[in-house]
């Protein structure tokens, strides 16, 4: 009897720039290792696949306790960014630009290009029906490569036996 192919499923629930990349990076690594990849986008994670939002994901420094001054280009050993600074006008745009610049320097593709690479590599993308209904969206609102809008139950049936990673 032939061994069944390994499977991994990612549930993307957040639409922040820094929360978009983990599933993309791990999904690409999984495909490279011959693992079947399925990604389910729900709640704000659907911004990753929405035509009008995909290129506008941001990195908000407010209440981001992991963001350090050194990540912003300021020489400071593990000093966090005070929350009050994150509330200043333009800080979200500034943090977003810094992250995008750093990703580009590392030759990490933008979200849309990364998703297309995953689709071209065989990854399957699905949108959550409940979230789609809640936000009054339609399949036409999503980028090419999203196979369908499915319920959480349908998704669980599709990925039976897969390692499921919630992001």
Protein backbone atom coordinates (compact mmCIF):
# COMPACT_ATOMS: atom_id res chain seq x y z
CA UNK A 1 0.00 0.00 0.00
CA UNK A 2 1.38 3.41 -0.99
CA UNK A 3 2.05 5.91 1.74
CA UNK A 4 -0.38 8.86 1.72
CA UNK A 5 1.15 12.27 1.02
CA UNK A 6 1.68 14.57 4.01
CA UNK A 7 -0.78 17.45 4.33
CA UNK A 8 -0.73 20.78 6.12
CA UNK A 9 -3.57 23.27 6.46
CA UNK A 10 -3.23 26.88 7.54
CA UNK A 11 -6.07 28.94 8.96
CA UNK A 12 -5.32 32.64 8.39
CA UNK A 13 -7.44 34.78 10.70
CA UNK A 14 -5.47 38.04 10.82
CA UNK A 15 -4.98 40.67 8.14
CA UNK A 16 -1.95 42.50 9.53
CA UNK A 17 1.15 42.51 7.36
CA UNK A 18 3.22 40.67 9.96
CA UNK A 19 0.53 37.99 10.37
CA UNK A 20 0.21 37.39 6.62
CA UNK A 21 3.70 36.06 6.05
CA UNK A 22 3.91 33.06 8.44
CA UNK A 23 1.44 30.91 6.47
CA UNK A 24 2.96 31.98 3.16
CA UNK A 25 6.53 31.19 4.21
CA UNK A 26 5.60 27.89 5.85
CA UNK A 27 3.27 26.96 2.98
CA UNK A 28 6.02 27.57 0.43
CA UNK A 29 8.47 25.50 2.51
CA UNK A 30 5.89 22.71 2.76
CA UNK A 31 5.31 22.68 -1.01
CA UNK A 32 9.06 22.48 -1.50
CA UNK A 33 9.08 19.38 0.69
CA UNK A 34 6.29 17.72 -1.29
CA UNK A 35 3.60 18.41 1.31
CA UNK A 36 0.03 19.22 0.20
CA UNK A 37 -0.91 22.76 1.29
CA UNK A 38 -4.41 24.14 1.92
CA UNK A 39 -5.05 27.65 3.26
CA UNK A 40 -8.37 28.78 4.77
CA UNK A 41 -8.89 32.54 5.13
CA UNK A 42 -11.33 33.71 7.78
CA UNK A 43 -12.24 36.99 9.49
CA UNK A 44 -9.55 39.65 8.88
CA UNK A 45 -7.28 37.06 7.27
CA UNK A 46 -9.49 37.41 4.19
CA UNK A 47 -7.77 40.78 3.59
CA UNK A 48 -4.87 38.70 2.23
CA UNK A 49 -7.07 37.49 -0.63
CA UNK A 50 -9.38 40.49 -1.14
CA UNK A 51 -8.56 42.40 -4.33
CA UNK A 52 -9.14 45.76 -2.65
CA UNK A 53 -7.12 45.00 0.50
CA UNK A 54 -4.27 42.69 -0.49
CA UNK A 55 -1.83 45.47 -1.38
CA UNK A 56 -2.81 47.58 1.66
CA UNK A 57 -2.01 45.32 4.62
CA UNK A 58 -0.35 47.28 7.42
CA UNK A 59 1.83 46.79 10.47
CA UNK A 60 0.41 48.71 13.42
CA UNK A 61 2.88 49.44 16.23
CA UNK A 62 0.10 50.23 18.74
CA UNK A 63 -0.08 47.51 21.40
CA UNK A 64 2.44 45.39 19.50
CA UNK A 65 4.58 44.43 22.47
CA UNK A 66 6.96 42.43 20.28
CA UNK A 67 7.94 45.43 18.14
CA UNK A 68 11.33 46.73 19.22
CA UNK A 69 13.05 50.03 18.47
CA UNK A 70 15.89 48.07 16.86
CA UNK A 71 13.40 46.74 14.29
CA UNK A 72 12.66 50.35 13.38
CA UNK A 73 16.34 51.06 12.68
CA UNK A 74 17.09 52.65 16.06
CA UNK A 75 20.09 51.30 17.97
CA UNK A 76 18.52 50.06 21.22
CA UNK A 77 18.95 46.66 22.82
CA UNK A 78 15.50 45.08 23.01
CA UNK A 79 13.82 48.36 23.95
CA UNK A 80 10.16 48.31 23.04
CA UNK A 81 8.34 51.09 21.25
CA UNK A 82 6.25 52.99 23.78
CA UNK A 83 2.55 52.62 22.95
CA UNK A 84 2.15 56.38 22.90
CA UNK A 85 4.57 56.54 19.95
CA UNK A 86 2.49 53.99 18.07
CA UNK A 87 -0.51 56.29 18.33
CA UNK A 88 1.24 59.19 16.61
CA UNK A 89 -0.09 60.00 13.14
CA UNK A 90 1.93 58.24 10.47
CA UNK A 91 3.47 55.57 12.72
CA UNK A 92 1.48 52.74 11.14
CA UNK A 93 2.51 53.87 7.66
CA UNK A 94 6.11 54.25 8.85
CA UNK A 95 6.23 50.78 10.44
CA UNK A 96 4.55 49.27 7.37
CA UNK A 97 7.06 50.88 5.01
CA UNK A 98 9.99 49.72 7.13
CA UNK A 99 8.73 46.14 7.13
CA UNK A 100 8.04 46.16 3.38
CA UNK A 101 11.49 47.62 2.72
CA UNK A 102 13.17 45.00 4.92
CA UNK A 103 11.20 42.20 3.22
CA UNK A 104 12.13 43.54 -0.23
CA UNK A 105 15.80 43.72 0.80
CA UNK A 106 15.56 40.03 1.73
CA UNK A 107 13.89 39.41 -1.66
CA UNK A 108 10.67 38.24 0.01
CA UNK A 109 7.81 38.63 -2.48
CA UNK A 110 4.85 40.88 -1.69
CA UNK A 111 1.68 39.14 -0.45
CA UNK A 112 -0.04 38.89 -3.85
CA UNK A 113 3.02 37.51 -5.60
CA UNK A 114 3.63 35.03 -2.76
CA UNK A 115 0.05 33.77 -2.95
CA UNK A 116 0.34 33.36 -6.71
CA UNK A 117 3.55 31.36 -6.24
CA UNK A 118 1.71 29.12 -3.78
CA UNK A 119 -1.22 28.62 -6.17
CA UNK A 120 1.17 27.90 -9.05
CA UNK A 121 2.93 25.39 -6.81
CA UNK A 122 -0.33 23.55 -6.07
CA UNK A 123 -1.58 25.13 -2.84
CA UNK A 124 -5.37 25.30 -2.47
CA UNK A 125 -6.94 28.54 -1.19
CA UNK A 126 -10.42 28.83 0.34
CA UNK A 127 -12.46 31.64 1.90
CA UNK A 128 -14.65 31.11 4.98
CA UNK A 129 -18.37 31.21 4.18
CA UNK A 130 -19.39 32.67 7.55
CA UNK A 131 -16.87 35.50 7.24
CA UNK A 132 -17.80 36.11 3.60
CA UNK A 133 -21.46 36.39 4.61
CA UNK A 134 -20.64 38.56 7.62
CA UNK A 135 -18.66 41.04 5.47
CA UNK A 136 -21.11 40.92 2.52
CA UNK A 137 -18.46 39.63 0.13
CA UNK A 138 -18.65 37.51 -3.02
CA UNK A 139 -16.17 35.24 -4.79
CA UNK A 140 -15.53 38.07 -7.26
CA UNK A 141 -14.05 40.11 -4.39
CA UNK A 142 -11.17 37.66 -4.11
CA UNK A 143 -7.99 37.33 -6.14
CA UNK A 144 -7.59 34.60 -8.72
CA UNK A 145 -6.50 31.37 -7.12
CA UNK A 146 -9.20 31.25 -4.44
CA UNK A 147 -10.93 28.00 -5.33
CA UNK A 148 -14.17 28.44 -3.44
CA UNK A 149 -16.04 29.77 -0.43
CA UNK A 150 -16.58 26.94 2.05
CA UNK A 151 -17.93 26.41 5.54
CA UNK A 152 -15.61 25.64 8.42
CA UNK A 153 -17.09 22.15 8.51
CA UNK A 154 -16.37 21.61 4.80
CA UNK A 155 -12.82 22.82 5.34
CA UNK A 156 -12.29 20.38 8.21
CA UNK A 157 -13.53 17.54 6.01
CA UNK A 158 -11.19 18.63 3.19
CA UNK A 159 -8.11 18.62 5.39
CA UNK A 160 -8.80 15.43 7.32
CA UNK A 161 -5.49 13.96 8.41
CA UNK A 162 -3.61 17.23 7.85
CA UNK A 163 -1.56 19.10 10.37
CA UNK A 164 -3.67 22.22 11.06
CA UNK A 165 -1.89 25.47 11.95
CA UNK A 166 -3.95 28.46 13.15
CA UNK A 167 -2.45 31.89 12.55
